[in-house]
Amino acid sequence: MISSKNLILKPLSASQLFKYMANDNSLERELKLNPTAKTITQAIIASIEETILPNLSDSGKNHLFSTLWAIILKSESRMVGDICFVGEPDVDGEVELGYLTYEAYRGKGYMTEAIACILDWAKRQEFVKSVFAQTAKSNPASYKILEKNNFVKVGEDDELYNWRLIF
């Protein structure tokens, strides 16, 4: 668990990920949180089932780089988004970051704070040298969050910008 001024970032266990996917407030009940309206897309469920859960069951992997972290707003005891690394650092020490703010909590600075918080944690991990992220060109709010956290645009294709932060 990681904490900042307004947020708690809590890594989810395999059983908690199943509750997250059920999207029936069972996860919030377990974590003693207020219910949160969130949309769990088929793409998110597929990512959890095909990548996150198999990585969590691999005892040779650091599960903190493989799971979804719930972003909890302290003042409301409510999940406002989630954040994750897309696996452990590669041979060059780079990890990929993914994140989602639930609709009712967008534009309030929570994801900027959550990313700053998880970057601070990542910097202290022995093998992490840089963080990579991608944002849709059509989502300026998402890439402004990365810019506020000192990411630099390092490339693009027709739909995405690529970002990197080197420690």
Foldseek 3Di string as FASTA:
>chain_A
DFDDDFKDWAFDALVLVVVVVVLPCPNCVVVVADRDDADQDPVNVCCCVVFQVVQNVPPVFDSQQRTKIFIAGVVRRYTFWIKHWRGAQDPQQEIEIDIDGGPVCPPVCSVLVVVLRVVVVSVPDDRHFKYKYKDFPVDVSVVVSVVSVVWDFDDDDPTITMTMDGD
